[in-house]
Amino acid sequence: LHIQVSIAVYAIALFALLGWVFLAVFGGVGMTALPLDLIMNWVHRPRPISLTEYARTKEKLGTVCRRMTEKGMIIEEEQRKQGNKITKKLSMKVNDFKNDVLRLEATFKRLEKSYKNKGES
């Protein structure tokens, strides 16, 4: 079977085939990851907590926050000493610090949601 097609039709067919391949590969990954994410979000959902537990946990977070502030000041001092020359070691310290801050913020938001919203979204 021999059919003459223009280059535009050929390109469209090629991209459609490529799209189907990507859908088959990445769609399958997404279809399995979505239910797993939903289940994990349900398992780790915020639960209602009492005022005493809220205060105790908030105090612990405050202690962690103070330690992280000190750690941040130490990293900032190291950056000042090195000037424009940033080493890989210092860059890794900064990135680790940023990740720790993001985790602390997420923990605090979850704590607030657990107490103020009684665990509801």
N, C-alpha and C. Protein backbone atom coordinates (compact mmCIF):
# COMPACT_ATOMS: atom_id res chain seq x y z
N LEU A 1 0.86 -1.18 0.00
CA LEU A 1 0.00 0.00 0.00
C LEU A 1 0.89 1.22 0.00
N HIS A 2 0.71 2.10 -0.94
CA HIS A 2 1.54 3.29 -1.09
C HIS A 2 0.63 4.51 -1.18
N ILE A 3 0.74 5.39 -0.17
CA ILE A 3 -0.09 6.59 -0.13
C ILE A 3 0.81 7.81 -0.05
N GLN A 4 0.55 8.79 -0.86
CA GLN A 4 1.32 10.03 -0.84
C GLN A 4 0.68 10.99 0.17
N VAL A 5 1.49 11.48 1.13
CA VAL A 5 1.00 12.47 2.10
C VAL A 5 1.97 13.63 2.12
N SER A 6 1.45 14.78 2.52
CA SER A 6 2.32 15.95 2.60
C SER A 6 3.17 15.88 3.86
N ILE A 7 4.17 16.70 3.94
CA ILE A 7 5.06 16.73 5.10
C ILE A 7 4.31 17.15 6.36
N ALA A 8 3.30 18.00 6.24
CA ALA A 8 2.52 18.45 7.39
C ALA A 8 1.74 17.28 7.99
N VAL A 9 1.10 16.47 7.16
CA VAL A 9 0.34 15.31 7.64
C VAL A 9 1.29 14.30 8.27
N TYR A 10 2.45 14.11 7.66
CA TYR A 10 3.45 13.20 8.19
C TYR A 10 3.92 13.66 9.58
N ALA A 11 4.18 14.96 9.74
CA ALA A 11 4.63 15.51 11.03
C ALA A 11 3.54 15.36 12.08
N ILE A 12 2.30 15.63 11.70
CA ILE A 12 1.18 15.50 12.65
C ILE A 12 1.05 14.05 13.12
N ALA A 13 1.15 13.11 12.19
CA ALA A 13 1.04 11.70 12.55
C ALA A 13 2.20 11.28 13.45
N LEU A 14 3.39 11.76 13.17
CA LEU A 14 4.56 11.43 13.99
C LEU A 14 4.41 11.97 15.41
N PHE A 15 3.95 13.22 15.53
CA PHE A 15 3.76 13.79 16.86
C PHE A 15 2.62 13.12 17.62
N ALA A 16 1.58 12.70 16.91
CA ALA A 16 0.48 11.98 17.55
C ALA A 16 0.97 10.64 18.10
N LEU A 17 1.78 9.94 17.31
CA LEU A 17 2.35 8.67 17.76
C LEU A 17 3.25 8.89 18.98
N LEU A 18 4.07 9.91 18.91
CA LEU A 18 4.97 10.24 20.03
C LEU A 18 4.15 10.59 21.28
N GLY A 19 3.05 11.32 21.11
CA GLY A 19 2.19 11.66 22.23
C GLY A 19 1.58 10.44 22.88
N TRP A 20 1.15 9.48 22.06
CA TRP A 20 0.59 8.24 22.61
C TRP A 20 1.63 7.46 23.39
N VAL A 21 2.87 7.45 22.92
CA VAL A 21 3.93 6.74 23.63
C VAL A 21 4.17 7.41 24.99
N PHE A 22 4.26 8.73 24.99
CA PHE A 22 4.45 9.44 26.27
C PHE A 22 3.28 9.23 27.21
N LEU A 23 2.06 9.21 26.68
CA LEU A 23 0.88 8.96 27.52
C LEU A 23 0.95 7.56 28.12
N ALA A 24 1.35 6.60 27.33
CA ALA A 24 1.42 5.22 27.83
C ALA A 24 2.47 5.08 28.92
N VAL A 25 3.60 5.75 28.77
CA VAL A 25 4.67 5.64 29.76
C VAL A 25 4.36 6.46 31.00
N PHE A 26 4.15 7.76 30.83
CA PHE A 26 4.00 8.65 31.98
C PHE A 26 2.59 8.62 32.55
N GLY A 27 1.60 8.34 31.75
CA GLY A 27 0.23 8.22 32.25
C GLY A 27 0.10 7.05 33.20
N GLY A 28 0.78 5.96 32.89
CA GLY A 28 0.76 4.79 33.76
C GLY A 28 1.38 5.09 35.11
N VAL A 29 2.45 5.85 35.11
CA VAL A 29 3.10 6.22 36.37
C VAL A 29 2.17 7.12 37.18
N GLY A 30 1.55 8.08 36.51
CA GLY A 30 0.65 9.00 37.20
C GLY A 30 -0.59 8.31 37.74
N MET A 31 -1.09 7.35 36.99
CA MET A 31 -2.30 6.65 37.42
C MET A 31 -2.05 5.80 38.66
N THR A 32 -0.84 5.33 38.84
CA THR A 32 -0.54 4.56 40.05
C THR A 32 -0.12 5.48 41.19
N ALA A 33 0.47 6.62 40.87
CA ALA A 33 0.94 7.52 41.92
C ALA A 33 -0.20 8.31 42.56
N LEU A 34 -1.21 8.66 41.79
CA LEU A 34 -2.31 9.45 42.33
C LEU A 34 -3.05 8.76 43.47
N PRO A 35 -3.49 7.52 43.31
CA PRO A 35 -4.17 6.88 44.44
C PRO A 35 -3.25 6.73 45.66
N LEU A 36 -1.99 6.45 45.42
CA LEU A 36 -1.04 6.32 46.53
C LEU A 36 -0.90 7.65 47.28
N ASP A 37 -0.81 8.75 46.53
CA ASP A 37 -0.73 10.06 47.18
C ASP A 37 -1.99 10.37 47.98
N LEU A 38 -3.14 10.03 47.42
CA LEU A 38 -4.40 10.29 48.12
C LEU A 38 -4.49 9.46 49.41
N ILE A 39 -4.07 8.22 49.34
CA ILE A 39 -4.09 7.36 50.53
C ILE A 39 -3.13 7.89 51.58
N MET A 40 -1.92 8.28 51.17
CA MET A 40 -0.93 8.79 52.13
C MET A 40 -1.39 10.11 52.74
N ASN A 41 -2.04 10.97 51.96
CA ASN A 41 -2.58 12.21 52.52
C ASN A 41 -3.67 11.93 53.54
N TRP A 42 -4.47 10.91 53.31
CA TRP A 42 -5.51 10.55 54.27
C TRP A 42 -4.89 9.97 55.54
N VAL A 43 -3.88 9.13 55.39
CA VAL A 43 -3.24 8.51 56.56
C VAL A 43 -2.56 9.57 57.42
N HIS A 44 -1.90 10.54 56.79
CA HIS A 44 -1.14 11.56 57.52
C HIS A 44 -1.91 12.88 57.65
N ARG A 45 -3.23 12.81 57.62
CA ARG A 45 -4.04 14.03 57.72
C ARG A 45 -3.92 14.62 59.14
N PRO A 46 -4.11 15.93 59.27
CA PRO A 46 -4.09 16.52 60.62
C PRO A 46 -5.28 16.04 61.44
N ARG A 47 -5.02 15.72 62.67
CA ARG A 47 -6.08 15.27 63.57
C ARG A 47 -6.29 16.32 64.66
N PRO A 48 -7.51 16.45 65.17
CA PRO A 48 -7.76 17.44 66.22
C PRO A 48 -6.89 17.18 67.45
N ILE A 49 -6.37 18.26 68.04
CA ILE A 49 -5.55 18.12 69.26
C ILE A 49 -6.09 19.07 70.32
N SER A 50 -5.70 18.80 71.56
CA SER A 50 -6.15 19.63 72.68
C SER A 50 -5.26 20.86 72.82
N LEU A 51 -5.69 21.79 73.65
CA LEU A 51 -4.93 23.01 73.89
C LEU A 51 -3.58 22.70 74.53
N THR A 52 -3.54 21.76 75.48
CA THR A 52 -2.27 21.45 76.14
C THR A 52 -1.29 20.82 75.16
N GLU A 53 -1.77 19.93 74.32
CA GLU A 53 -0.89 19.31 73.33
C GLU A 53 -0.41 20.35 72.32
N TYR A 54 -1.30 21.27 71.94
CA TYR A 54 -0.95 22.35 71.03
C TYR A 54 0.15 23.22 71.63
N ALA A 55 -0.01 23.61 72.88
CA ALA A 55 0.98 24.47 73.54
C ALA A 55 2.32 23.75 73.68
N ARG A 56 2.28 22.48 74.06
CA ARG A 56 3.52 21.71 74.24
C ARG A 56 4.26 21.56 72.90
N THR A 57 3.53 21.24 71.85
CA THR A 57 4.16 21.07 70.55
C THR A 57 4.67 22.40 70.00
N LYS A 58 3.92 23.46 70.24
CA LYS A 58 4.35 24.78 69.78
C LYS A 58 5.63 25.22 70.50
N GLU A 59 5.75 24.86 71.78
CA GLU A 59 6.97 25.17 72.53
C GLU A 59 8.16 24.40 71.95
N LYS A 60 7.94 23.14 71.61
CA LYS A 60 9.02 22.35 70.99
C LYS A 60 9.44 22.95 69.65
N LEU A 61 8.45 23.37 68.86
CA LEU A 61 8.77 24.00 67.58
C LEU A 61 9.52 25.31 67.78
N GLY A 62 9.18 26.04 68.83
CA GLY A 62 9.90 27.28 69.14
C GLY A 62 11.35 27.01 69.48
N THR A 63 11.61 25.93 70.22
CA THR A 63 12.98 25.55 70.54
C THR A 63 13.75 25.19 69.28
N VAL A 64 13.13 24.41 68.41
CA VAL A 64 13.77 24.04 67.15
C VAL A 64 14.04 25.28 66.31
N CYS A 65 13.09 26.20 66.31
CA CYS A 65 13.23 27.44 65.54
C CYS A 65 14.40 28.28 66.05
N ARG A 66 14.55 28.36 67.36
CA ARG A 66 15.68 29.12 67.92
C ARG A 66 17.01 28.49 67.53
N ARG A 67 17.09 27.15 67.59
CA ARG A 67 18.32 26.47 67.18
C ARG A 67 18.60 26.70 65.69
N MET A 68 17.55 26.69 64.89
CA MET A 68 17.75 26.92 63.46
C MET A 68 18.16 28.36 63.18
N THR A 69 17.66 29.30 63.95
CA THR A 69 18.08 30.69 63.79
C THR A 69 19.57 30.82 64.07
N GLU A 70 20.04 30.16 65.14
CA GLU A 70 21.47 30.17 65.45
C GLU A 70 22.28 29.53 64.32
N LYS A 71 21.78 28.41 63.81
CA LYS A 71 22.45 27.72 62.71
C LYS A 71 22.51 28.63 61.48
N GLY A 72 21.43 29.34 61.21
CA GLY A 72 21.39 30.27 60.08
C GLY A 72 22.38 31.40 60.22
N MET A 73 22.53 31.90 61.45
CA MET A 73 23.51 32.97 61.68
C MET A 73 24.93 32.47 61.46
N ILE A 74 25.20 31.24 61.86
CA ILE A 74 26.53 30.65 61.65
C ILE A 74 26.80 30.51 60.15
N ILE A 75 25.82 30.04 59.42
CA ILE A 75 25.99 29.89 57.96
C ILE A 75 26.18 31.26 57.31
N GLU A 76 25.42 32.24 57.77
CA GLU A 76 25.55 33.59 57.22
C GLU A 76 26.95 34.16 57.49
N GLU A 77 27.49 33.89 58.68
CA GLU A 77 28.84 34.34 59.02
C GLU A 77 29.87 33.66 58.11
N GLU A 78 29.69 32.37 57.85
CA GLU A 78 30.58 31.66 56.94
C GLU A 78 30.53 32.27 55.54
N GLN A 79 29.33 32.65 55.10
CA GLN A 79 29.20 33.28 53.79
C GLN A 79 29.92 34.62 53.74
N ARG A 80 29.82 35.39 54.81
CA ARG A 80 30.51 36.69 54.86
C ARG A 80 32.02 36.51 54.82
N LYS A 81 32.53 35.49 55.52
CA LYS A 81 33.97 35.24 55.53
C LYS A 81 34.49 34.87 54.15
N GLN A 82 33.70 34.10 53.40
CA GLN A 82 34.16 33.63 52.10
C GLN A 82 33.94 34.67 51.00
N GLY A 83 33.12 35.65 51.24
CA GLY A 83 32.86 36.68 50.24
C GLY A 83 32.13 36.13 49.04
N ASN A 84 32.64 36.40 47.85
CA ASN A 84 31.98 35.95 46.62
C ASN A 84 32.28 34.49 46.30
N LYS A 85 33.28 33.93 46.95
CA LYS A 85 33.67 32.55 46.68
C LYS A 85 32.79 31.60 47.50
N ILE A 86 31.85 30.95 46.82
CA ILE A 86 30.95 30.02 47.51
C ILE A 86 31.38 28.60 47.16
N THR A 87 31.73 27.84 48.17
CA THR A 87 32.17 26.47 47.94
C THR A 87 30.98 25.53 47.89
N LYS A 88 31.23 24.33 47.40
CA LYS A 88 30.18 23.32 47.32
C LYS A 88 29.70 22.94 48.72
N LYS A 89 30.62 22.88 49.67
CA LYS A 89 30.27 22.53 51.05
C LYS A 89 29.31 23.55 51.64
N LEU A 90 29.62 24.83 51.43
CA LEU A 90 28.76 25.90 51.95
C LEU A 90 27.41 25.90 51.24
N SER A 91 27.43 25.67 49.93
CA SER A 91 26.19 25.60 49.17
C SER A 91 25.30 24.46 49.67
N MET A 92 25.90 23.33 50.01
CA MET A 92 25.13 22.21 50.53
C MET A 92 24.55 22.55 51.90
N LYS A 93 25.33 23.26 52.74
CA LYS A 93 24.82 23.69 54.04
C LYS A 93 23.61 24.61 53.89
N VAL A 94 23.70 25.54 52.95
CA VAL A 94 22.61 26.49 52.72
C VAL A 94 21.36 25.74 52.24
N ASN A 95 21.54 24.82 51.31
CA ASN A 95 20.40 24.05 50.80
C ASN A 95 19.78 23.18 51.89
N ASP A 96 20.60 22.55 52.71
CA ASP A 96 20.08 21.75 53.83
C ASP A 96 19.30 22.63 54.80
N PHE A 97 19.82 23.83 55.06
CA PHE A 97 19.14 24.76 55.95
C PHE A 97 17.78 25.17 55.37
N LYS A 98 17.75 25.45 54.08
CA LYS A 98 16.48 25.83 53.44
C LYS A 98 15.47 24.68 53.53
N ASN A 99 15.94 23.46 53.31
CA ASN A 99 15.04 22.30 53.42
C ASN A 99 14.51 22.14 54.85
N ASP A 100 15.39 22.36 55.83
CA ASP A 100 14.95 22.27 57.23
C ASP A 100 13.90 23.33 57.54
N VAL A 101 14.09 24.53 57.02
CA VAL A 101 13.12 25.61 57.24
C VAL A 101 11.77 25.25 56.61
N LEU A 102 11.80 24.71 55.40
CA LEU A 102 10.55 24.32 54.74
C LEU A 102 9.83 23.22 55.53
N ARG A 103 10.59 22.26 56.05
CA ARG A 103 9.97 21.19 56.86
C ARG A 103 9.37 21.76 58.14
N LEU A 104 10.07 22.71 58.77
CA LEU A 104 9.56 23.33 59.99
C LEU A 104 8.28 24.11 59.71
N GLU A 105 8.25 24.84 58.59
CA GLU A 105 7.04 25.57 58.22
C GLU A 105 5.87 24.63 57.98
N ALA A 106 6.12 23.52 57.30
CA ALA A 106 5.05 22.54 57.04
C ALA A 106 4.54 21.94 58.35
N THR A 107 5.45 21.67 59.28
CA THR A 107 5.05 21.13 60.57
C THR A 107 4.20 22.13 61.34
N PHE A 108 4.60 23.40 61.29
CA PHE A 108 3.84 24.44 61.99
C PHE A 108 2.45 24.60 61.37
N LYS A 109 2.36 24.60 60.04
CA LYS A 109 1.06 24.73 59.39
C LYS A 109 0.15 23.56 59.76
N ARG A 110 0.73 22.38 59.81
CA ARG A 110 -0.06 21.20 60.19
C ARG A 110 -0.54 21.31 61.63
N LEU A 111 0.34 21.81 62.52
CA LEU A 111 -0.04 22.01 63.92
C LEU A 111 -1.18 23.01 64.02
N GLU A 112 -1.08 24.12 63.31
CA GLU A 112 -2.14 25.13 63.34
C GLU A 112 -3.46 24.56 62.83
N LYS A 113 -3.38 23.79 61.74
CA LYS A 113 -4.59 23.19 61.18
C LYS A 113 -5.19 22.19 62.16
N SER A 114 -4.33 21.45 62.86
CA SER A 114 -4.83 20.45 63.81
C SER A 114 -5.57 21.09 64.97
N TYR A 115 -5.09 22.24 65.42
CA TYR A 115 -5.72 22.88 66.59
C TYR A 115 -6.84 23.83 66.19
N LYS A 116 -6.54 24.80 65.32
CA LYS A 116 -7.51 25.84 65.02
C LYS A 116 -8.66 25.36 64.17
N ASN A 117 -8.39 24.48 63.20
CA ASN A 117 -9.45 23.96 62.34
C ASN A 117 -9.96 22.62 62.80
N LYS A 118 -9.48 22.17 63.94
CA LYS A 118 -9.87 20.86 64.49
C LYS A 118 -9.59 19.72 63.52
N GLY A 119 -8.48 19.87 62.75
CA GLY A 119 -8.07 18.83 61.84
C GLY A 119 -8.73 18.89 60.48
N GLU A 120 -9.64 19.83 60.27
CA GLU A 120 -10.33 19.92 58.99
C GLU A 120 -9.52 20.75 58.03
N SER A 121 -9.75 20.56 56.75
CA SER A 121 -9.01 21.30 55.73
C SER A 121 -9.43 22.74 55.65
